[in-house]
Amino acid sequence: MWKQLLMAGVVLGAFGVASPAHAQDDDAEANAEADAAVQAETPVQPEANPADVESIDAIIAALYDVISGPAGERDWDRFRSLFAPGAVLSAMVPRPDGSHPARVFTYEDYVRFGGAYFMENAFFERESGRKLLRFGNVANAMSAYESRNAIDEEPFTYGINTITLVTDGDRWYVVSIAWDEVRDENPMPDWIEAPATN
């Protein structure tokens, strides 16, 4: 996991949180040290294919495409290139006692355990609908999905990925993904819009 307090300092600095005038010099030095420390710990991001990150539609399509396929290796550099440094993923894990703790991990964690699973197992996931909200350079997509073991089989599960995205004006980045599955007590909401057909 990323060092949360260190990252918080960088984020606050990046978004221009005002500090008292007498503390600005100290804050600038502390922020520079925090930036340097985070850069030293942050792995170099692979270069993204511009077509994968040019729009919200493109980056979401790339997310589903890169994890889908027959048993075998995935293009993990392509996967990494879709995320902002420090991005997190969260899976809601239902337990027999009715609780639903969140399992929070990095995209590198997903590469490790997902990579091992995909080497032995086919997995295909596609978007079946979406509800998108956008404000300026930030967006949230509630992306309904269907997961299959083979393209021509019935889905073995349905759910929603909630994907938070940002753009720097040049490209889109995934900041976080959290997901939960459809269950009897957790049906697919009727506000999910079916994808457009060509």
N, C-alpha and C. Protein backbone atom coordinates (compact mmCIF):
# COMPACT_ATOMS: atom_id res chain seq x y z
N MET A 1 0.84 -1.20 0.00
CA MET A 1 0.00 0.00 0.00
C MET A 1 0.88 1.25 0.00
N TRP A 2 0.32 2.33 -0.60
CA TRP A 2 1.05 3.60 -0.58
C TRP A 2 1.03 4.17 0.82
N LYS A 3 2.05 4.93 1.16
CA LYS A 3 2.08 5.56 2.47
C LYS A 3 1.05 6.68 2.47
N GLN A 4 -0.07 6.44 3.16
CA GLN A 4 -1.24 7.29 3.03
C GLN A 4 -1.00 8.73 3.51
N LEU A 5 -0.31 8.88 4.62
CA LEU A 5 -0.10 10.23 5.12
C LEU A 5 0.81 11.02 4.18
N LEU A 6 1.81 10.35 3.63
CA LEU A 6 2.70 11.01 2.70
C LEU A 6 1.95 11.44 1.46
N MET A 7 1.11 10.53 0.93
CA MET A 7 0.32 10.85 -0.24
C MET A 7 -0.65 11.99 0.05
N ALA A 8 -1.22 11.99 1.24
CA ALA A 8 -2.17 13.05 1.60
C ALA A 8 -1.49 14.41 1.53
N GLY A 9 -0.25 14.48 1.99
CA GLY A 9 0.47 15.74 1.92
C GLY A 9 0.67 16.20 0.49
N VAL A 10 0.99 15.27 -0.40
CA VAL A 10 1.19 15.61 -1.80
C VAL A 10 -0.12 16.05 -2.43
N VAL A 11 -1.18 15.32 -2.15
CA VAL A 11 -2.47 15.66 -2.75
C VAL A 11 -2.94 17.03 -2.29
N LEU A 12 -2.80 17.31 -1.01
CA LEU A 12 -3.22 18.62 -0.52
C LEU A 12 -2.42 19.72 -1.21
N GLY A 13 -1.13 19.49 -1.38
CA GLY A 13 -0.31 20.49 -2.07
C GLY A 13 -0.72 20.63 -3.52
N ALA A 14 -1.00 19.50 -4.17
CA ALA A 14 -1.33 19.53 -5.59
C ALA A 14 -2.62 20.27 -5.86
N PHE A 15 -3.57 20.19 -4.94
CA PHE A 15 -4.86 20.83 -5.16
C PHE A 15 -4.92 22.23 -4.56
N GLY A 16 -3.78 22.75 -4.16
CA GLY A 16 -3.72 24.16 -3.81
C GLY A 16 -4.46 24.51 -2.53
N VAL A 17 -4.43 23.62 -1.53
CA VAL A 17 -5.07 23.96 -0.26
C VAL A 17 -4.29 25.12 0.36
N ALA A 18 -5.00 26.16 0.72
CA ALA A 18 -4.34 27.36 1.24
C ALA A 18 -3.72 27.10 2.60
N SER A 19 -2.57 27.69 2.83
CA SER A 19 -1.95 27.62 4.15
C SER A 19 -1.63 29.04 4.59
N PRO A 20 -1.49 29.26 5.90
CA PRO A 20 -1.19 30.61 6.38
C PRO A 20 0.08 31.14 5.74
N ALA A 21 0.12 32.47 5.51
CA ALA A 21 1.25 33.09 4.81
C ALA A 21 2.58 32.80 5.51
N HIS A 22 2.59 32.83 6.84
CA HIS A 22 3.85 32.64 7.55
C HIS A 22 4.36 31.21 7.46
N ALA A 23 3.50 30.27 7.03
CA ALA A 23 3.92 28.87 6.96
C ALA A 23 4.20 28.42 5.53
N GLN A 24 4.06 29.31 4.56
CA GLN A 24 4.17 28.89 3.16
C GLN A 24 5.55 28.36 2.82
N ASP A 25 6.62 29.02 3.32
CA ASP A 25 7.97 28.55 3.01
C ASP A 25 8.20 27.15 3.57
N ASP A 26 7.78 26.94 4.83
CA ASP A 26 7.93 25.62 5.45
C ASP A 26 7.11 24.58 4.68
N ASP A 27 5.89 24.96 4.28
CA ASP A 27 5.03 24.04 3.54
C ASP A 27 5.64 23.69 2.20
N ALA A 28 6.23 24.68 1.51
CA ALA A 28 6.83 24.41 0.20
C ALA A 28 7.98 23.42 0.33
N GLU A 29 8.80 23.60 1.37
CA GLU A 29 9.92 22.67 1.57
C GLU A 29 9.42 21.28 1.93
N ALA A 30 8.42 21.20 2.80
CA ALA A 30 7.87 19.91 3.19
C ALA A 30 7.22 19.21 2.00
N ASN A 31 6.49 19.99 1.17
CA ASN A 31 5.86 19.39 -0.01
C ASN A 31 6.90 18.89 -1.01
N ALA A 32 8.01 19.64 -1.18
CA ALA A 32 9.06 19.21 -2.09
C ALA A 32 9.68 17.91 -1.61
N GLU A 33 9.91 17.80 -0.29
CA GLU A 33 10.46 16.56 0.26
C GLU A 33 9.48 15.41 0.09
N ALA A 34 8.19 15.66 0.31
CA ALA A 34 7.18 14.62 0.15
C ALA A 34 7.09 14.18 -1.31
N ASP A 35 7.13 15.16 -2.24
CA ASP A 35 7.10 14.82 -3.67
C ASP A 35 8.27 13.93 -4.03
N ALA A 36 9.46 14.27 -3.56
CA ALA A 36 10.66 13.49 -3.88
C ALA A 36 10.55 12.08 -3.32
N ALA A 37 10.03 11.96 -2.10
CA ALA A 37 9.90 10.64 -1.49
C ALA A 37 8.90 9.78 -2.25
N VAL A 38 7.78 10.37 -2.66
CA VAL A 38 6.78 9.61 -3.41
C VAL A 38 7.32 9.20 -4.77
N GLN A 39 8.03 10.11 -5.44
CA GLN A 39 8.59 9.78 -6.75
C GLN A 39 9.59 8.65 -6.64
N ALA A 40 10.34 8.61 -5.54
CA ALA A 40 11.32 7.53 -5.35
C ALA A 40 10.65 6.19 -5.17
N GLU A 41 9.44 6.19 -4.58
CA GLU A 41 8.73 4.93 -4.32
C GLU A 41 7.75 4.55 -5.42
N THR A 42 7.43 5.46 -6.32
CA THR A 42 6.43 5.22 -7.34
C THR A 42 7.06 4.56 -8.56
N PRO A 43 6.58 3.37 -8.96
CA PRO A 43 7.15 2.74 -10.14
C PRO A 43 6.87 3.58 -11.39
N VAL A 44 7.78 3.50 -12.35
CA VAL A 44 7.61 4.23 -13.60
C VAL A 44 6.41 3.66 -14.34
N GLN A 45 5.50 4.54 -14.74
CA GLN A 45 4.31 4.10 -15.47
C GLN A 45 4.68 3.78 -16.92
N PRO A 46 4.22 2.64 -17.44
CA PRO A 46 4.44 2.38 -18.86
C PRO A 46 3.70 3.43 -19.70
N GLU A 47 4.22 3.71 -20.85
CA GLU A 47 3.59 4.65 -21.77
C GLU A 47 2.26 4.06 -22.25
N ALA A 48 1.20 4.85 -22.18
CA ALA A 48 -0.12 4.39 -22.62
C ALA A 48 -0.25 4.53 -24.13
N ASN A 49 -0.99 3.61 -24.72
CA ASN A 49 -1.40 3.78 -26.11
C ASN A 49 -2.39 4.95 -26.14
N PRO A 50 -2.11 6.01 -26.88
CA PRO A 50 -3.02 7.17 -26.87
C PRO A 50 -4.47 6.79 -27.17
N ALA A 51 -4.69 5.77 -27.99
CA ALA A 51 -6.06 5.36 -28.31
C ALA A 51 -6.77 4.78 -27.10
N ASP A 52 -6.02 4.23 -26.13
CA ASP A 52 -6.62 3.65 -24.92
C ASP A 52 -7.09 4.70 -23.93
N VAL A 53 -6.53 5.90 -23.99
CA VAL A 53 -6.75 6.88 -22.92
C VAL A 53 -7.27 8.22 -23.43
N GLU A 54 -7.72 8.25 -24.68
CA GLU A 54 -8.14 9.52 -25.29
C GLU A 54 -9.52 9.97 -24.83
N SER A 55 -10.32 9.05 -24.27
CA SER A 55 -11.67 9.40 -23.84
C SER A 55 -12.10 8.45 -22.74
N ILE A 56 -13.20 8.78 -22.08
CA ILE A 56 -13.75 7.90 -21.06
C ILE A 56 -14.16 6.57 -21.67
N ASP A 57 -14.84 6.61 -22.81
CA ASP A 57 -15.23 5.36 -23.48
C ASP A 57 -14.02 4.50 -23.78
N ALA A 58 -12.94 5.13 -24.26
CA ALA A 58 -11.76 4.37 -24.67
C ALA A 58 -11.08 3.70 -23.48
N ILE A 59 -10.92 4.41 -22.38
CA ILE A 59 -10.19 3.84 -21.25
C ILE A 59 -11.00 2.74 -20.57
N ILE A 60 -12.33 2.90 -20.51
CA ILE A 60 -13.15 1.83 -19.93
C ILE A 60 -13.12 0.60 -20.83
N ALA A 61 -13.20 0.80 -22.14
CA ALA A 61 -13.11 -0.34 -23.07
C ALA A 61 -11.76 -1.05 -22.90
N ALA A 62 -10.68 -0.28 -22.74
CA ALA A 62 -9.36 -0.87 -22.57
C ALA A 62 -9.27 -1.67 -21.28
N LEU A 63 -9.89 -1.18 -20.20
CA LEU A 63 -9.88 -1.90 -18.93
C LEU A 63 -10.49 -3.29 -19.08
N TYR A 64 -11.64 -3.37 -19.72
CA TYR A 64 -12.29 -4.67 -19.90
C TYR A 64 -11.49 -5.55 -20.86
N ASP A 65 -10.97 -4.94 -21.91
CA ASP A 65 -10.26 -5.72 -22.93
C ASP A 65 -8.99 -6.35 -22.38
N VAL A 66 -8.24 -5.59 -21.58
CA VAL A 66 -6.92 -6.06 -21.17
C VAL A 66 -6.99 -7.22 -20.18
N ILE A 67 -8.07 -7.35 -19.42
CA ILE A 67 -8.16 -8.48 -18.48
C ILE A 67 -8.89 -9.67 -19.08
N SER A 68 -9.45 -9.53 -20.27
CA SER A 68 -10.25 -10.59 -20.88
C SER A 68 -9.43 -11.40 -21.87
N GLY A 69 -9.70 -12.71 -21.90
CA GLY A 69 -9.03 -13.55 -22.87
C GLY A 69 -8.95 -14.98 -22.41
N PRO A 70 -8.41 -15.84 -23.26
CA PRO A 70 -8.21 -17.24 -22.86
C PRO A 70 -7.15 -17.34 -21.79
N ALA A 71 -7.00 -18.51 -21.20
CA ALA A 71 -5.97 -18.71 -20.19
C ALA A 71 -4.62 -18.33 -20.77
N GLY A 72 -3.85 -17.59 -19.99
CA GLY A 72 -2.53 -17.18 -20.46
C GLY A 72 -2.18 -15.79 -19.97
N GLU A 73 -1.06 -15.30 -20.42
CA GLU A 73 -0.54 -14.00 -19.99
C GLU A 73 -1.42 -12.87 -20.49
N ARG A 74 -1.57 -11.83 -19.67
CA ARG A 74 -2.22 -10.60 -20.08
C ARG A 74 -1.15 -9.54 -20.35
N ASP A 75 -1.53 -8.47 -21.03
CA ASP A 75 -0.61 -7.37 -21.30
C ASP A 75 -0.62 -6.45 -20.08
N TRP A 76 0.20 -6.80 -19.09
CA TRP A 76 0.14 -6.07 -17.82
C TRP A 76 0.70 -4.67 -17.93
N ASP A 77 1.61 -4.39 -18.85
CA ASP A 77 2.05 -3.01 -19.02
C ASP A 77 0.92 -2.14 -19.57
N ARG A 78 0.12 -2.70 -20.46
CA ARG A 78 -1.05 -1.95 -20.93
C ARG A 78 -1.99 -1.69 -19.77
N PHE A 79 -2.23 -2.68 -18.93
CA PHE A 79 -3.08 -2.53 -17.75
C PHE A 79 -2.54 -1.42 -16.85
N ARG A 80 -1.26 -1.47 -16.53
CA ARG A 80 -0.66 -0.45 -15.65
C ARG A 80 -0.79 0.95 -16.24
N SER A 81 -0.67 1.05 -17.56
CA SER A 81 -0.66 2.36 -18.21
C SER A 81 -1.99 3.10 -18.10
N LEU A 82 -3.05 2.39 -17.72
CA LEU A 82 -4.37 3.02 -17.62
C LEU A 82 -4.57 3.76 -16.30
N PHE A 83 -3.72 3.48 -15.31
CA PHE A 83 -3.94 3.98 -13.95
C PHE A 83 -3.06 5.18 -13.62
N ALA A 84 -3.58 6.02 -12.73
CA ALA A 84 -2.76 7.07 -12.12
C ALA A 84 -1.90 6.41 -11.04
N PRO A 85 -0.67 6.89 -10.83
CA PRO A 85 0.14 6.37 -9.73
C PRO A 85 -0.62 6.47 -8.41
N GLY A 86 -0.59 5.41 -7.63
CA GLY A 86 -1.30 5.39 -6.36
C GLY A 86 -2.74 4.95 -6.44
N ALA A 87 -3.21 4.61 -7.63
CA ALA A 87 -4.61 4.17 -7.79
C ALA A 87 -4.87 2.89 -6.98
N VAL A 88 -6.10 2.76 -6.51
CA VAL A 88 -6.46 1.60 -5.71
C VAL A 88 -7.69 0.90 -6.28
N LEU A 89 -7.80 -0.38 -5.95
CA LEU A 89 -8.96 -1.18 -6.32
C LEU A 89 -9.57 -1.73 -5.05
N SER A 90 -10.88 -1.88 -5.05
CA SER A 90 -11.59 -2.37 -3.86
C SER A 90 -12.66 -3.35 -4.27
N ALA A 91 -12.57 -4.55 -3.71
CA ALA A 91 -13.59 -5.57 -3.96
C ALA A 91 -14.42 -5.76 -2.70
N MET A 92 -15.72 -5.73 -2.85
CA MET A 92 -16.61 -6.03 -1.72
C MET A 92 -16.75 -7.55 -1.63
N VAL A 93 -16.47 -8.09 -0.47
CA VAL A 93 -16.40 -9.54 -0.30
C VAL A 93 -17.50 -10.00 0.65
N PRO A 94 -18.62 -10.54 0.12
CA PRO A 94 -19.68 -10.99 1.00
C PRO A 94 -19.24 -12.19 1.85
N ARG A 95 -19.64 -12.18 3.11
CA ARG A 95 -19.33 -13.29 4.02
C ARG A 95 -20.62 -13.97 4.43
N PRO A 96 -20.51 -15.22 4.87
CA PRO A 96 -21.71 -15.96 5.30
C PRO A 96 -22.50 -15.26 6.40
N ASP A 97 -21.81 -14.44 7.23
CA ASP A 97 -22.53 -13.77 8.32
C ASP A 97 -23.28 -12.52 7.85
N GLY A 98 -23.22 -12.23 6.53
CA GLY A 98 -23.95 -11.08 5.99
C GLY A 98 -23.14 -9.81 5.90
N SER A 99 -21.94 -9.82 6.45
CA SER A 99 -21.09 -8.62 6.35
C SER A 99 -20.44 -8.56 4.97
N HIS A 100 -19.98 -7.37 4.60
CA HIS A 100 -19.37 -7.16 3.28
C HIS A 100 -18.12 -6.31 3.42
N PRO A 101 -17.05 -6.86 3.99
CA PRO A 101 -15.83 -6.06 4.12
C PRO A 101 -15.22 -5.76 2.77
N ALA A 102 -14.55 -4.62 2.69
CA ALA A 102 -13.86 -4.24 1.45
C ALA A 102 -12.44 -4.75 1.50
N ARG A 103 -12.02 -5.35 0.41
CA ARG A 103 -10.61 -5.72 0.25
C ARG A 103 -9.99 -4.67 -0.66
N VAL A 104 -9.09 -3.86 -0.12
CA VAL A 104 -8.49 -2.75 -0.86
C VAL A 104 -7.06 -3.12 -1.21
N PHE A 105 -6.68 -2.91 -2.47
CA PHE A 105 -5.35 -3.28 -2.91
C PHE A 105 -4.94 -2.38 -4.07
N THR A 106 -3.67 -2.45 -4.45
CA THR A 106 -3.16 -1.65 -5.55
C THR A 106 -3.33 -2.41 -6.86
N TYR A 107 -3.14 -1.70 -7.97
CA TYR A 107 -3.22 -2.40 -9.25
C TYR A 107 -2.06 -3.37 -9.42
N GLU A 108 -0.93 -3.13 -8.75
CA GLU A 108 0.16 -4.10 -8.78
C GLU A 108 -0.21 -5.37 -8.04
N ASP A 109 -0.97 -5.24 -6.94
CA ASP A 109 -1.49 -6.44 -6.26
C ASP A 109 -2.37 -7.24 -7.22
N TYR A 110 -3.20 -6.53 -7.99
CA TYR A 110 -4.09 -7.21 -8.95
C TYR A 110 -3.26 -7.93 -10.01
N VAL A 111 -2.18 -7.31 -10.47
CA VAL A 111 -1.30 -7.96 -11.44
C VAL A 111 -0.77 -9.27 -10.88
N ARG A 112 -0.40 -9.27 -9.59
CA ARG A 112 0.18 -10.47 -8.99
C ARG A 112 -0.86 -11.58 -8.86
N PHE A 113 -1.99 -11.30 -8.20
CA PHE A 113 -2.92 -12.41 -7.99
C PHE A 113 -3.78 -12.67 -9.22
N GLY A 114 -4.12 -11.62 -9.98
CA GLY A 114 -4.88 -11.83 -11.21
C GLY A 114 -4.04 -12.54 -12.25
N GLY A 115 -2.75 -12.17 -12.33
CA GLY A 115 -1.88 -12.80 -13.30
C GLY A 115 -1.76 -14.29 -13.07
N ALA A 116 -1.63 -14.69 -11.82
CA ALA A 116 -1.53 -16.12 -11.51
C ALA A 116 -2.82 -16.85 -11.89
N TYR A 117 -3.97 -16.23 -11.61
CA TYR A 117 -5.26 -16.85 -11.94
C TYR A 117 -5.45 -16.96 -13.45
N PHE A 118 -5.17 -15.87 -14.17
CA PHE A 118 -5.40 -15.85 -15.61
C PHE A 118 -4.47 -16.80 -16.36
N MET A 119 -3.30 -17.09 -15.82
CA MET A 119 -2.41 -18.04 -16.48
C MET A 119 -3.06 -19.41 -16.59
N GLU A 120 -3.94 -19.73 -15.64
CA GLU A 120 -4.57 -21.06 -15.61
C GLU A 120 -6.04 -21.04 -16.03
N ASN A 121 -6.64 -19.87 -16.14
CA ASN A 121 -8.09 -19.78 -16.35
C ASN A 121 -8.44 -18.73 -17.39
N ALA A 122 -9.35 -19.09 -18.29
CA ALA A 122 -9.93 -18.11 -19.20
C ALA A 122 -10.85 -17.20 -18.41
N PHE A 123 -10.95 -15.97 -18.84
CA PHE A 123 -11.83 -15.00 -18.16
C PHE A 123 -12.20 -13.92 -19.16
N PHE A 124 -13.49 -13.67 -19.28
CA PHE A 124 -13.98 -12.64 -20.20
C PHE A 124 -14.98 -11.76 -19.46
N GLU A 125 -14.74 -10.47 -19.48
CA GLU A 125 -15.66 -9.54 -18.83
C GLU A 125 -16.00 -8.44 -19.82
N ARG A 126 -17.27 -8.09 -19.88
CA ARG A 126 -17.68 -7.01 -20.79
C ARG A 126 -18.62 -6.07 -20.06
N GLU A 127 -18.63 -4.83 -20.54
CA GLU A 127 -19.55 -3.83 -19.98
C GLU A 127 -20.92 -4.04 -20.60
N SER A 128 -21.93 -4.07 -19.74
CA SER A 128 -23.31 -4.27 -20.22
C SER A 128 -24.19 -3.05 -20.03
N GLY A 129 -23.66 -2.01 -19.41
CA GLY A 129 -24.42 -0.77 -19.20
C GLY A 129 -23.60 0.19 -18.38
N ARG A 130 -24.05 1.45 -18.34
CA ARG A 130 -23.26 2.45 -17.63
C ARG A 130 -24.13 3.63 -17.21
N LYS A 131 -23.79 4.21 -16.07
CA LYS A 131 -24.31 5.50 -15.64
C LYS A 131 -23.11 6.39 -15.38
N LEU A 132 -22.97 7.46 -16.15
CA LEU A 132 -21.79 8.31 -16.08
C LEU A 132 -22.14 9.68 -15.51
N LEU A 133 -21.32 10.14 -14.59
CA LEU A 133 -21.40 11.50 -14.07
C LEU A 133 -20.05 12.16 -14.29
N ARG A 134 -20.06 13.39 -14.80
CA ARG A 134 -18.81 14.10 -15.04
C ARG A 134 -18.94 15.54 -14.59
N PHE A 135 -17.86 16.04 -13.99
CA PHE A 135 -17.76 17.45 -13.62
C PHE A 135 -16.35 17.90 -13.97
N GLY A 136 -16.22 18.70 -15.02
CA GLY A 136 -14.91 19.18 -15.43
C GLY A 136 -13.97 18.04 -15.76
N ASN A 137 -12.88 17.95 -15.01
CA ASN A 137 -11.83 16.98 -15.28
C ASN A 137 -11.95 15.70 -14.46
N VAL A 138 -13.06 15.53 -13.75
CA VAL A 138 -13.28 14.32 -12.96
C VAL A 138 -14.57 13.65 -13.42
N ALA A 139 -14.60 12.33 -13.31
CA ALA A 139 -15.78 11.59 -13.74
C ALA A 139 -15.91 10.32 -12.92
N ASN A 140 -17.14 9.84 -12.82
CA ASN A 140 -17.40 8.55 -12.19
C ASN A 140 -18.33 7.76 -13.08
N ALA A 141 -17.90 6.55 -13.41
CA ALA A 141 -18.71 5.65 -14.23
C ALA A 141 -19.14 4.47 -13.39
N MET A 142 -20.46 4.29 -13.26
CA MET A 142 -21.01 3.07 -12.67
C MET A 142 -21.19 2.11 -13.85
N SER A 143 -20.25 1.20 -14.00
CA SER A 143 -20.14 0.35 -15.18
C SER A 143 -20.61 -1.07 -14.86
N ALA A 144 -21.79 -1.43 -15.37
CA ALA A 144 -22.30 -2.79 -15.15
C ALA A 144 -21.48 -3.77 -15.98
N TYR A 145 -21.22 -4.94 -15.39
CA TYR A 145 -20.41 -5.93 -16.09
C TYR A 145 -21.04 -7.31 -16.04
N GLU A 146 -20.60 -8.13 -16.99
CA GLU A 146 -20.93 -9.55 -17.05
C GLU A 146 -19.62 -10.32 -17.16
N SER A 147 -19.42 -11.32 -16.30
CA SER A 147 -18.19 -12.11 -16.32
C SER A 147 -18.48 -13.52 -16.81
N ARG A 148 -17.61 -14.00 -17.70
CA ARG A 148 -17.79 -15.33 -18.30
C ARG A 148 -16.47 -16.10 -18.27
N ASN A 149 -16.60 -17.43 -18.29
CA ASN A 149 -15.43 -18.29 -18.44
C ASN A 149 -15.10 -18.54 -19.91
N ALA A 150 -16.07 -18.30 -20.79
CA ALA A 150 -15.88 -18.42 -22.23
C ALA A 150 -16.84 -17.45 -22.90
N ILE A 151 -16.45 -16.94 -24.06
CA ILE A 151 -17.25 -15.91 -24.73
C ILE A 151 -18.67 -16.39 -25.01
N ASP A 152 -18.82 -17.68 -25.35
CA ASP A 152 -20.14 -18.19 -25.76
C ASP A 152 -20.93 -18.80 -24.61
N GLU A 153 -20.47 -18.63 -23.37
CA GLU A 153 -21.19 -19.16 -22.22
C GLU A 153 -22.04 -18.07 -21.57
N GLU A 154 -22.99 -18.51 -20.75
CA GLU A 154 -23.75 -17.58 -19.93
C GLU A 154 -22.84 -16.97 -18.86
N PRO A 155 -23.06 -15.73 -18.47
CA PRO A 155 -22.23 -15.14 -17.40
C PRO A 155 -22.35 -15.93 -16.11
N PHE A 156 -21.25 -16.05 -15.39
CA PHE A 156 -21.30 -16.68 -14.08
C PHE A 156 -21.53 -15.66 -12.98
N THR A 157 -21.37 -14.37 -13.29
CA THR A 157 -21.70 -13.33 -12.33
C THR A 157 -21.93 -12.01 -13.06
N TYR A 158 -22.69 -11.15 -12.38
CA TYR A 158 -22.96 -9.80 -12.85
C TYR A 158 -22.62 -8.84 -11.70
N GLY A 159 -22.33 -7.61 -12.03
CA GLY A 159 -22.06 -6.65 -10.98
C GLY A 159 -21.85 -5.27 -11.55
N ILE A 160 -21.32 -4.38 -10.70
CA ILE A 160 -21.02 -3.01 -11.11
C ILE A 160 -19.62 -2.65 -10.65
N ASN A 161 -18.82 -2.16 -11.59
CA ASN A 161 -17.55 -1.51 -11.28
C ASN A 161 -17.82 -0.01 -11.19
N THR A 162 -17.49 0.60 -10.07
CA THR A 162 -17.57 2.06 -10.01
C THR A 162 -16.16 2.58 -10.24
N ILE A 163 -15.97 3.27 -11.35
CA ILE A 163 -14.65 3.67 -11.84
C ILE A 163 -14.53 5.19 -11.74
N THR A 164 -13.57 5.65 -10.95
CA THR A 164 -13.30 7.08 -10.83
C THR A 164 -12.15 7.43 -11.76
N LEU A 165 -12.37 8.46 -12.57
CA LEU A 165 -11.40 8.85 -13.60
C LEU A 165 -11.08 10.33 -13.51
N VAL A 166 -9.88 10.68 -13.93
CA VAL A 166 -9.49 12.09 -14.04
C VAL A 166 -8.77 12.29 -15.37
N THR A 167 -8.79 13.53 -15.86
CA THR A 167 -8.03 13.87 -17.05
C THR A 167 -7.15 15.07 -16.76
N ASP A 168 -5.95 15.06 -17.33
CA ASP A 168 -5.05 16.21 -17.22
C ASP A 168 -5.13 17.10 -18.46
N GLY A 169 -6.09 16.83 -19.32
CA GLY A 169 -6.24 17.57 -20.56
C GLY A 169 -5.62 16.86 -21.74
N ASP A 170 -4.68 15.95 -21.47
CA ASP A 170 -4.04 15.18 -22.54
C ASP A 170 -4.56 13.75 -22.62
N ARG A 171 -4.90 13.18 -21.45
CA ARG A 171 -5.36 11.81 -21.42
C ARG A 171 -6.17 11.56 -20.16
N TRP A 172 -6.87 10.43 -20.12
CA TRP A 172 -7.63 10.01 -18.94
C TRP A 172 -6.83 8.99 -18.14
N TYR A 173 -7.05 9.00 -16.82
CA TYR A 173 -6.44 8.05 -15.90
C TYR A 173 -7.53 7.44 -15.03
N VAL A 174 -7.36 6.17 -14.67
CA VAL A 174 -8.20 5.54 -13.65
C VAL A 174 -7.57 5.82 -12.29
N VAL A 175 -8.35 6.39 -11.38
CA VAL A 175 -7.88 6.68 -10.03
C VAL A 175 -8.27 5.57 -9.07
N SER A 176 -9.47 5.00 -9.27
CA SER A 176 -9.90 3.90 -8.41
C SER A 176 -10.99 3.10 -9.12
N ILE A 177 -11.09 1.84 -8.71
CA ILE A 177 -12.19 0.97 -9.12
C ILE A 177 -12.65 0.22 -7.88
N ALA A 178 -13.95 0.24 -7.62
CA ALA A 178 -14.54 -0.57 -6.57
C ALA A 178 -15.70 -1.34 -7.18
N TRP A 179 -15.87 -2.59 -6.76
CA TRP A 179 -16.95 -3.36 -7.37
C TRP A 179 -17.67 -4.24 -6.36
N ASP A 180 -18.91 -4.54 -6.75
CA ASP A 180 -19.76 -5.44 -5.98
C ASP A 180 -20.58 -6.25 -6.98
N GLU A 181 -21.01 -7.44 -6.54
CA GLU A 181 -21.75 -8.34 -7.41
C GLU A 181 -23.25 -8.27 -7.16
N VAL A 182 -24.00 -8.63 -8.19
CA VAL A 182 -25.44 -8.77 -8.07
C VAL A 182 -25.75 -10.01 -7.23
N ARG A 183 -26.66 -9.84 -6.28
CA ARG A 183 -27.16 -10.95 -5.45
C ARG A 183 -28.65 -10.77 -5.28
N ASP A 184 -29.31 -11.74 -4.70
CA ASP A 184 -30.76 -11.63 -4.51
C ASP A 184 -31.12 -10.34 -3.78
N GLU A 185 -30.34 -10.03 -2.74
CA GLU A 185 -30.63 -8.83 -1.95
C GLU A 185 -29.95 -7.59 -2.52
N ASN A 186 -29.25 -7.74 -3.65
CA ASN A 186 -28.52 -6.63 -4.24
C ASN A 186 -28.70 -6.68 -5.77
N PRO A 187 -29.91 -6.40 -6.25
CA PRO A 187 -30.18 -6.53 -7.69
C PRO A 187 -29.55 -5.41 -8.51
N MET A 188 -29.43 -5.65 -9.79
CA MET A 188 -28.93 -4.62 -10.70
C MET A 188 -29.91 -3.45 -10.70
N PRO A 189 -29.44 -2.22 -10.47
CA PRO A 189 -30.36 -1.07 -10.43
C PRO A 189 -30.93 -0.75 -11.81
N ASP A 190 -32.14 -0.18 -11.83
CA ASP A 190 -32.79 0.11 -13.11
C ASP A 190 -32.26 1.40 -13.75
N TRP A 191 -31.38 2.14 -13.04
CA TRP A 191 -30.86 3.37 -13.64
C TRP A 191 -29.61 3.13 -14.48
N ILE A 192 -29.14 1.92 -14.53
CA ILE A 192 -28.03 1.59 -15.43
C ILE A 192 -28.55 1.63 -16.86
N GLU A 193 -27.87 2.37 -17.70
CA GLU A 193 -28.30 2.53 -19.09
C GLU A 193 -27.59 1.52 -19.98
N ALA A 194 -28.35 0.88 -20.86
CA ALA A 194 -27.76 -0.08 -21.78
C ALA A 194 -26.80 0.64 -22.72
N PRO A 195 -25.73 -0.07 -23.14
CA PRO A 195 -24.77 0.59 -24.05
C PRO A 195 -25.40 0.89 -25.39
N ALA A 196 -24.91 1.95 -26.03
CA ALA A 196 -25.42 2.31 -27.36
C ALA A 196 -25.02 1.25 -28.35
N THR A 197 -25.89 0.98 -29.31
CA THR A 197 -25.60 0.00 -30.36
C THR A 197 -25.38 0.73 -31.67
N ASN A 198 -24.45 0.24 -32.46
CA ASN A 198 -24.14 0.86 -33.76
C ASN A 198 -24.92 0.20 -34.88
